[in-house]
Amino acid sequence: MSASKSKATNLSRTLRKTLLSFLLLYSFLSVVILAFSGVVYYNLQKELMLEGQTNKLQDYSIRLISALRYLHEHFDEEQTYPRFGQFRSAIYDSSKKLIFSTLRENHVNLDKTLYTLHDNIHYVTLLESYYLGAMYVVIEIPDDGHWFGFIRKEMIFYGVLFFLILLLAGYYLMRMMLAPVSNTLNLLDRFIKDTTHELNTPVSAILTNIEMIDQEKLDPALAKKIRRIDIASRTISNLYKDLTFAALGHNRAVKDEKVDLYKLVKERIEFFKVISSAKNIACVTDLKKGVTLTIDRARMTRIIDNILSNAIKYNRKNGYIKITLDENFLEVEDGGIGMDPSQVHMIFERYTRLNKSEGGFGLGLSIVKSIADAYGLKVSVKSEKGKGSRVRIIWGKS
């Protein structure tokens, strides 16, 4: 995969992640509100539908009560329970025990006056005179469901419409809320770009002039000061390169070529020699000659520099660094402070610093991981607190 297709900056990812999280939460709350509104609207429409049936049900109830009264008065002559084609009915005694029923539904709620049960509507009337021992009369008519089909279409249409409106409003609200943060971070990003650009010239001039000084001819005290300046300059130079890559690396033209890793690793070890010697760190190398990798040289340099820089930074005085270059991998091992194995996954996150006592911005291993991912390289890290760490970059079977 071409390195030019590397991921967008951490700023953009953070803003998008924040925006997505807000929209998901906002969408969930919007759905809850719309669902609650839908339930309220459904119950309201149901009540309106039942009210529309009240007159008809009252009329049916009067007709049934008249028939029951006639049957009660002429029971010796007629013993057939009255039936009607427009509705079904049932009668219950004062203890709510069924006397007779032609209902489809067996579960009747005598405590309600008007309600729906499955596909039927029930209307309950309390008798003033107990004809045939009945106290309750229940009228049942079918609920054709036309009203529900109509309001269902309304609820779906307006629910989707209002959800989209709320989602759009939430999106623009979130954009307005994030605008100051985005502007501030963009300003900071431009400041870093401008600062790193301005750092390049003086740092390069310092390093060039230090290399031209014959330190063996200097007074020991002055030579010591020059070495400190050299160490500081090289540290700033490495930081400058990280900041430049973080700010501009994804826009930089990529020049993939066959890189001689043996020569490049030797060169970078020599660059960091001054810094490692300040902590009296022994550098052990096992470098295989002739190892090459097709990659952008500047990006491979960033990988090597950041691994070496971390190995020195988190090492002990009089410690060691072992650098191994084989056909399929580059490995840097140190005997430094190490870290808890459970923290290893965190070190590739940008701006993460597990040890706040050391300098830096937490960019190094984030840059290593982004370059490795762009080229399909594998980064393996093993660490143990108090014993050191081992970082391996793998590009083949190993």
Protein backbone atom coordinates (compact mmCIF):
# COMPACT_ATOMS: atom_id res chain seq x y z
CA MET A 1 0.00 0.00 0.00
CA SER A 2 1.35 3.42 -0.88
CA ALA A 3 2.31 5.62 2.06
CA SER A 4 0.51 8.52 0.38
CA LYS A 5 -2.74 6.82 1.41
CA SER A 6 -1.91 7.03 5.11
CA LYS A 7 -4.63 7.97 7.59
CA ALA A 8 -5.81 11.54 8.18
CA THR A 9 -4.42 13.52 11.06
CA ASN A 10 -5.32 12.71 14.65
CA LEU A 11 -7.15 16.04 14.90
CA SER A 12 -9.61 15.13 12.16
CA ARG A 13 -10.12 11.63 13.58
CA THR A 14 -10.78 13.02 17.06
CA LEU A 15 -13.31 15.54 15.81
CA ARG A 16 -15.06 12.95 13.65
CA LYS A 17 -15.15 10.48 16.54
CA THR A 18 -16.60 13.12 18.87
CA LEU A 19 -19.15 14.16 16.27
CA LEU A 20 -20.16 10.54 15.62
CA SER A 21 -20.51 9.77 19.34
CA PHE A 22 -22.68 12.85 19.86
CA LEU A 23 -24.87 12.03 16.85
CA LEU A 24 -25.33 8.42 18.00
CA LEU A 25 -26.40 9.54 21.48
CA TYR A 26 -28.55 12.31 20.02
CA SER A 27 -30.14 9.86 17.57
CA PHE A 28 -30.90 7.39 20.37
CA LEU A 29 -32.55 10.08 22.47
CA SER A 30 -34.47 11.31 19.42
CA VAL A 31 -35.76 7.79 18.77
CA VAL A 32 -36.83 7.46 22.42
CA ILE A 33 -38.68 10.81 22.26
CA LEU A 34 -40.34 9.93 18.95
CA ALA A 35 -41.31 6.48 20.25
CA PHE A 36 -42.88 8.04 23.36
CA SER A 37 -44.69 10.59 21.20
CA GLY A 38 -45.89 7.77 18.94
CA VAL A 39 -47.32 5.84 21.89
CA VAL A 40 -49.13 8.96 23.14
CA TYR A 41 -50.47 9.68 19.64
CA TYR A 42 -51.58 6.04 19.22
CA ASN A 43 -53.48 6.05 22.54
CA LEU A 44 -55.08 9.39 21.68
CA GLN A 45 -56.26 8.10 18.30
CA LYS A 46 -57.50 4.93 19.94
CA GLU A 47 -59.56 6.92 22.44
CA LEU A 48 -61.00 9.01 19.61
CA MET A 49 -61.92 5.85 17.70
CA LEU A 50 -63.64 4.38 20.77
CA GLU A 51 -65.53 7.60 21.39
CA GLY A 52 -66.74 7.44 17.81
CA GLN A 53 -68.19 3.97 18.51
CA THR A 54 -69.86 4.96 21.80
CA ASN A 55 -73.27 5.99 20.43
CA LYS A 56 -73.58 2.83 18.38
CA LEU A 57 -72.57 0.64 21.33
CA GLN A 58 -75.00 2.40 23.65
CA ASP A 59 -77.77 1.75 21.15
CA TYR A 60 -76.82 -1.94 20.94
CA SER A 61 -76.75 -2.09 24.75
CA ILE A 62 -80.26 -0.61 24.99
CA ARG A 63 -81.54 -3.12 22.46
CA LEU A 64 -80.02 -6.02 24.40
CA ILE A 65 -81.35 -4.78 27.75
CA SER A 66 -84.85 -4.47 26.26
CA ALA A 67 -84.60 -8.03 24.97
CA LEU A 68 -83.38 -9.24 28.38
CA ARG A 69 -86.25 -7.47 30.12
CA TYR A 70 -88.75 -9.09 27.74
CA LEU A 71 -87.14 -12.50 28.31
CA HIS A 72 -87.18 -11.94 32.06
CA GLU A 73 -90.89 -11.04 32.02
CA HIS A 74 -91.88 -13.88 29.65
CA PHE A 75 -89.40 -16.54 30.77
CA ASP A 76 -92.14 -19.16 31.03
CA GLU A 77 -92.99 -18.60 27.36
CA GLU A 78 -89.55 -17.85 25.87
CA GLN A 79 -86.20 -19.27 27.09
CA THR A 80 -83.94 -18.39 24.19
CA TYR A 81 -81.09 -15.89 24.85
CA PRO A 82 -81.44 -12.91 22.46
CA ARG A 83 -78.98 -12.71 19.60
CA PHE A 84 -78.31 -9.91 17.11
CA GLY A 85 -76.48 -9.87 13.81
CA GLN A 86 -74.72 -6.53 14.43
CA PHE A 87 -73.07 -7.50 17.73
CA ARG A 88 -72.35 -10.25 20.23
CA SER A 89 -73.09 -10.06 23.93
CA ALA A 90 -72.71 -11.59 27.40
CA ILE A 91 -74.29 -11.18 30.84
CA TYR A 92 -72.64 -11.53 34.26
CA ASP A 93 -74.08 -11.60 37.78
CA SER A 94 -73.13 -9.32 40.69
CA SER A 95 -70.16 -11.54 41.61
CA LYS A 96 -68.89 -11.16 37.99
CA LYS A 97 -69.68 -14.76 37.21
CA LEU A 98 -70.67 -15.51 33.62
CA ILE A 99 -74.33 -16.33 33.08
CA PHE A 100 -74.41 -16.56 29.30
CA SER A 101 -72.16 -15.43 26.45
CA THR A 102 -71.92 -15.32 22.67
CA LEU A 103 -68.59 -13.42 22.79
CA ARG A 104 -65.51 -14.45 20.88
CA GLU A 105 -63.25 -13.29 23.72
CA ASN A 106 -63.40 -15.13 27.03
CA HIS A 107 -61.35 -12.63 29.05
CA VAL A 108 -63.66 -9.72 29.83
CA ASN A 109 -62.73 -6.73 32.00
CA LEU A 110 -65.90 -5.67 33.81
CA ASP A 111 -64.08 -2.80 35.56
CA LYS A 112 -63.77 -0.84 32.31
CA THR A 113 -66.59 0.72 30.34
CA LEU A 114 -65.05 0.80 26.86
CA TYR A 115 -61.87 -0.91 25.66
CA THR A 116 -60.33 -2.99 22.89
CA LEU A 117 -59.31 -6.61 23.22
CA HIS A 118 -57.38 -8.11 20.32
CA ASP A 119 -59.58 -7.49 17.26
CA ASN A 120 -62.74 -6.64 19.19
CA ILE A 121 -64.30 -3.71 21.06
CA HIS A 122 -66.09 -4.28 24.35
CA TYR A 123 -68.70 -2.01 25.93
CA VAL A 124 -69.76 -2.76 29.51
CA THR A 125 -73.10 -1.54 30.98
CA LEU A 126 -74.24 -1.84 34.58
CA LEU A 127 -77.94 -2.84 34.84
CA GLU A 128 -80.28 -0.98 37.19
CA SER A 129 -82.66 -3.97 37.36
CA TYR A 130 -81.25 -7.46 37.57
CA TYR A 131 -82.98 -9.11 34.61
CA LEU A 132 -82.36 -12.86 34.69
CA GLY A 133 -80.01 -12.24 37.64
CA ALA A 134 -77.61 -10.22 35.46
CA MET A 135 -75.81 -7.14 36.73
CA TYR A 136 -73.36 -6.58 33.88
CA VAL A 137 -74.05 -6.50 30.13
CA VAL A 138 -71.16 -6.72 27.68
CA ILE A 139 -71.50 -5.73 24.02
CA GLU A 140 -68.82 -6.92 21.57
CA ILE A 141 -68.29 -5.63 18.02
CA PRO A 142 -65.34 -6.34 15.70
CA ASP A 143 -62.52 -3.79 15.36
CA ASP A 144 -61.78 -3.67 11.63
CA GLY A 145 -58.39 -1.96 12.26
CA HIS A 146 -58.82 0.64 9.51
CA TRP A 147 -58.09 3.42 11.97
CA PHE A 148 -54.82 1.74 13.02
CA GLY A 149 -53.68 1.21 9.43
CA PHE A 150 -54.20 4.91 8.77
CA ILE A 151 -52.40 6.19 11.85
CA ARG A 152 -49.59 3.66 11.34
CA LYS A 153 -48.82 5.24 7.97
CA GLU A 154 -48.99 8.68 9.59
CA MET A 155 -46.70 7.63 12.44
CA ILE A 156 -44.11 6.13 10.08
CA PHE A 157 -44.14 9.11 7.72
CA TYR A 158 -44.02 11.83 10.36
CA GLY A 159 -41.69 9.79 12.59
CA VAL A 160 -39.09 9.46 9.83
CA LEU A 161 -39.57 13.10 8.84
CA PHE A 162 -39.13 14.45 12.37
CA PHE A 163 -36.21 12.08 13.01
CA LEU A 164 -34.37 13.43 9.96
CA ILE A 165 -35.14 16.99 11.03
CA LEU A 166 -33.87 16.31 14.55
CA LEU A 167 -30.78 14.55 13.17
CA LEU A 168 -30.01 17.46 10.86
CA ALA A 169 -30.55 19.96 13.67
CA GLY A 170 -28.31 17.89 15.95
CA TYR A 171 -25.59 17.75 13.31
CA TYR A 172 -25.52 21.51 12.85
CA LEU A 173 -25.76 22.03 16.62
CA MET A 174 -22.75 19.79 17.10
CA ARG A 175 -20.84 21.59 14.37
CA MET A 176 -21.55 24.89 16.10
CA MET A 177 -20.39 23.47 19.43
CA LEU A 178 -17.19 22.05 17.95
CA ALA A 179 -16.38 25.08 15.83
CA PRO A 180 -14.42 26.92 18.58
CA VAL A 181 -12.51 23.74 19.45
CA SER A 182 -11.80 23.01 15.80
CA ASN A 183 -10.61 26.58 15.20
CA THR A 184 -8.35 26.44 18.24
CA LEU A 185 -6.84 23.10 17.21
CA ASN A 186 -6.36 24.30 13.64
CA LEU A 187 -4.63 27.39 15.00
CA LEU A 188 -2.39 25.16 17.11
CA ASP A 189 -1.72 22.96 14.09
CA ARG A 190 -0.68 25.99 12.02
CA PHE A 191 1.50 27.20 14.92
CA ILE A 192 3.28 23.82 15.02
CA LYS A 193 3.82 23.90 11.26
CA ASP A 194 5.20 27.43 11.37
CA THR A 195 7.34 26.70 14.42
CA THR A 196 8.85 23.53 12.96
CA HIS A 197 9.63 25.39 9.77
CA GLU A 198 11.43 28.13 11.69
CA LEU A 199 13.36 25.55 13.78
CA ASN A 200 14.92 23.85 10.79
CA THR A 201 17.45 26.51 9.84
CA PRO A 202 18.98 27.26 13.28
CA VAL A 203 19.10 23.59 14.34
CA SER A 204 20.79 22.57 11.09
CA ALA A 205 23.26 25.45 11.46
CA ILE A 206 24.12 24.42 15.03
CA LEU A 207 24.69 20.77 14.10
CA THR A 208 26.75 21.69 11.05
CA ASN A 209 28.99 24.03 13.01
CA ILE A 210 29.44 21.55 15.88
CA GLU A 211 30.57 18.87 13.41
CA MET A 212 33.18 21.33 12.08
CA ILE A 213 34.70 21.85 15.55
CA ASP A 214 37.72 19.74 16.42
CA GLN A 215 36.76 18.97 19.99
CA GLU A 216 40.05 17.21 20.75
CA LYS A 217 41.85 20.57 20.58
CA LEU A 218 39.43 22.26 22.97
CA ASP A 219 39.77 22.77 26.68
CA PRO A 220 37.99 19.83 28.46
CA ALA A 221 35.50 22.14 30.15
CA LEU A 222 34.65 23.83 26.86
CA ALA A 223 34.49 20.47 25.05
CA LYS A 224 31.99 19.25 27.66
CA LYS A 225 29.79 22.29 27.01
CA ILE A 226 30.01 21.71 23.26
CA ARG A 227 28.89 18.08 23.74
CA ARG A 228 25.89 19.27 25.75
CA ILE A 229 24.97 21.66 22.97
CA ASP A 230 25.41 18.82 20.47
CA ILE A 231 23.12 16.51 22.48
CA ALA A 232 20.47 19.21 22.85
CA SER A 233 20.66 20.07 19.15
CA ARG A 234 20.29 16.45 18.07
CA THR A 235 17.33 16.00 20.43
CA ILE A 236 15.65 19.11 19.00
CA SER A 237 16.46 17.91 15.48
CA ASN A 238 14.75 14.57 16.09
CA LEU A 239 11.75 16.32 17.68
CA TYR A 240 11.60 18.70 14.72
CA LYS A 241 11.46 15.79 12.29
CA ASP A 242 8.64 14.15 14.30
CA LEU A 243 6.64 17.37 14.42
CA THR A 244 7.19 17.93 10.71
CA PHE A 245 6.01 14.42 9.90
CA ALA A 246 2.99 14.70 12.21
CA ALA A 247 1.97 18.03 10.71
CA LEU A 248 2.95 17.59 7.08
CA GLY A 249 3.92 13.95 6.55
CA HIS A 250 0.62 12.94 4.91
CA ASN A 251 1.04 15.74 2.34
CA ARG A 252 4.69 15.07 1.59
CA ALA A 253 5.56 13.45 -1.73
CA VAL A 254 6.53 9.81 -1.27
CA LYS A 255 9.67 8.51 -2.98
CA ASP A 256 9.83 4.76 -2.54
CA GLU A 257 13.22 3.25 -3.34
CA LYS A 258 15.35 0.26 -2.43
CA VAL A 259 16.95 1.35 0.85
CA ASP A 260 20.14 -0.28 2.16
CA LEU A 261 19.06 -0.81 5.77
CA TYR A 262 22.54 -1.79 6.93
CA LYS A 263 23.95 1.59 5.93
CA LEU A 264 20.90 3.52 7.16
CA VAL A 265 20.88 1.85 10.60
CA LYS A 266 24.63 2.46 10.98
CA GLU A 267 24.11 6.10 10.05
CA ARG A 268 21.31 6.59 12.60
CA ILE A 269 23.27 4.85 15.34
CA GLU A 270 26.13 7.25 14.70
CA PHE A 271 23.68 10.20 14.88
CA PHE A 272 22.43 9.12 18.33
CA LYS A 273 25.89 8.14 19.59
CA VAL A 274 26.44 11.51 21.25
CA ILE A 275 23.09 11.27 23.09
CA SER A 276 23.59 7.65 24.22
CA SER A 277 27.14 8.32 25.39
CA ALA A 278 25.84 11.07 27.70
CA LYS A 279 24.05 8.32 29.70
CA ASN A 280 26.98 5.94 29.20
CA ILE A 281 24.75 3.49 27.35
CA ALA A 282 26.53 0.60 25.67
CA CYS A 283 25.37 -0.01 22.10
CA VAL A 284 25.62 -3.63 20.91
CA THR A 285 24.93 -4.28 17.22
CA ASP A 286 24.27 -7.37 15.17
CA LEU A 287 23.67 -6.01 11.69
CA LYS A 288 23.44 -8.15 8.61
CA LYS A 289 24.85 -6.57 5.46
CA GLY A 290 22.94 -6.45 2.20
CA VAL A 291 19.47 -6.17 3.77
CA THR A 292 17.25 -3.91 1.66
CA LEU A 293 13.65 -2.75 1.79
CA THR A 294 11.59 -0.81 -0.75
CA ILE A 295 10.35 2.16 1.22
CA ASP A 296 10.56 5.94 1.41
CA ARG A 297 13.98 6.63 2.95
CA ALA A 298 12.79 9.56 5.06
CA ARG A 299 9.95 7.49 6.52
CA MET A 300 12.21 4.55 7.32
CA THR A 301 14.55 7.03 9.01
CA ARG A 302 11.65 8.17 11.20
CA ILE A 303 11.00 4.57 12.23
CA ILE A 304 14.63 3.92 13.17
CA ASP A 305 15.13 7.29 14.87
CA ASN A 306 12.03 6.98 17.05
CA ILE A 307 12.81 3.45 18.17
CA LEU A 308 16.42 4.40 19.01
CA SER A 309 15.33 7.63 20.68
CA ASN A 310 12.89 5.78 22.95
CA ALA A 311 15.47 3.13 23.78
CA ILE A 312 17.85 5.86 24.93
CA LYS A 313 15.23 8.06 26.59
CA TYR A 314 13.74 5.28 28.74
CA ASN A 315 17.05 3.59 29.50
CA ARG A 316 19.15 3.72 32.64
CA LYS A 317 22.57 5.24 33.07
CA ASN A 318 25.20 2.63 32.24
CA GLY A 319 22.48 0.62 30.50
CA TYR A 320 22.58 -1.09 27.14
CA ILE A 321 20.91 -1.14 23.75
CA LYS A 322 21.06 -4.13 21.42
CA ILE A 323 20.27 -3.48 17.76
CA THR A 324 19.65 -6.45 15.47
CA LEU A 325 19.13 -6.28 11.71
CA ASP A 326 18.18 -9.52 9.97
CA GLU A 327 16.77 -10.40 6.58
CA ASN A 328 13.17 -9.93 7.72
CA PHE A 329 13.24 -7.63 10.73
CA LEU A 330 14.87 -4.81 12.66
CA GLU A 331 14.91 -5.13 16.43
CA VAL A 332 15.94 -2.72 19.17
CA GLU A 333 16.17 -4.06 22.71
CA ASP A 334 17.03 -2.06 25.80
CA GLY A 335 17.62 -2.74 29.47
CA GLY A 336 15.66 0.29 30.57
CA ILE A 337 12.72 0.96 32.86
CA GLY A 338 10.22 -0.98 30.73
CA MET A 339 6.46 -0.90 31.29
CA ASP A 340 3.61 -3.08 32.40
CA PRO A 341 2.58 -5.49 29.58
CA SER A 342 -1.02 -4.27 29.92
CA GLN A 343 0.11 -0.79 28.84
CA VAL A 344 1.79 -1.87 25.62
CA HIS A 345 -1.30 -1.30 23.46
CA MET A 346 -1.45 2.34 24.59
CA ILE A 347 1.99 3.40 23.36
CA PHE A 348 0.88 3.70 19.71
CA GLU A 349 -1.76 6.31 20.53
CA ARG A 350 -0.71 9.82 19.61
CA TYR A 351 0.21 12.12 22.54
CA THR A 352 0.32 9.18 24.95
CA ARG A 353 3.17 9.40 27.45
CA LEU A 354 3.28 6.67 30.08
CA ASN A 355 6.29 8.23 31.77
CA LYS A 356 5.62 11.92 32.40
CA SER A 357 9.16 12.51 33.74
CA GLU A 358 10.64 12.16 30.26
CA GLY A 359 10.29 14.82 27.59
CA GLY A 360 8.53 14.61 24.25
CA PHE A 361 4.99 14.88 22.93
CA GLY A 362 4.14 11.18 22.67
CA LEU A 363 4.44 11.24 18.87
CA GLY A 364 7.28 8.80 18.24
CA LEU A 365 5.65 5.37 18.30
CA SER A 366 2.43 6.77 16.84
CA ILE A 367 4.47 7.84 13.80
CA VAL A 368 6.21 4.45 13.69
CA LYS A 369 2.85 2.65 13.70
CA SER A 370 1.31 4.90 11.02
CA ILE A 371 4.27 4.38 8.67
CA ALA A 372 4.34 0.64 9.37
CA ASP A 373 0.63 0.33 8.63
CA ALA A 374 1.04 2.29 5.39
CA TYR A 375 3.68 -0.18 4.16
CA GLY A 376 2.18 -3.35 5.61
CA LEU A 377 4.93 -3.75 8.21
CA LYS A 378 4.25 -5.41 11.54
CA VAL A 379 5.28 -3.76 14.82
CA SER A 380 5.88 -6.13 17.74
CA VAL A 381 6.52 -4.77 21.24
CA LYS A 382 7.41 -6.75 24.33
CA SER A 383 8.12 -5.07 27.64
CA GLU A 384 8.49 -5.87 31.31
CA LYS A 385 8.51 -3.27 34.01
CA GLY A 386 11.97 -2.78 35.47
CA LYS A 387 13.63 -5.02 32.88
CA GLY A 388 13.33 -3.17 29.59
CA SER A 389 11.58 -3.33 26.24
CA ARG A 390 12.02 -4.87 22.81
CA VAL A 391 10.60 -3.36 19.64
CA ARG A 392 10.69 -5.33 16.40
CA ILE A 393 9.75 -4.11 12.91
CA ILE A 394 8.91 -7.07 10.69
CA TRP A 395 8.61 -7.01 6.90
CA GLY A 396 8.92 -10.70 6.13
CA LYS A 397 8.31 -14.07 7.72
CA SER A 398 9.92 -14.09 11.13
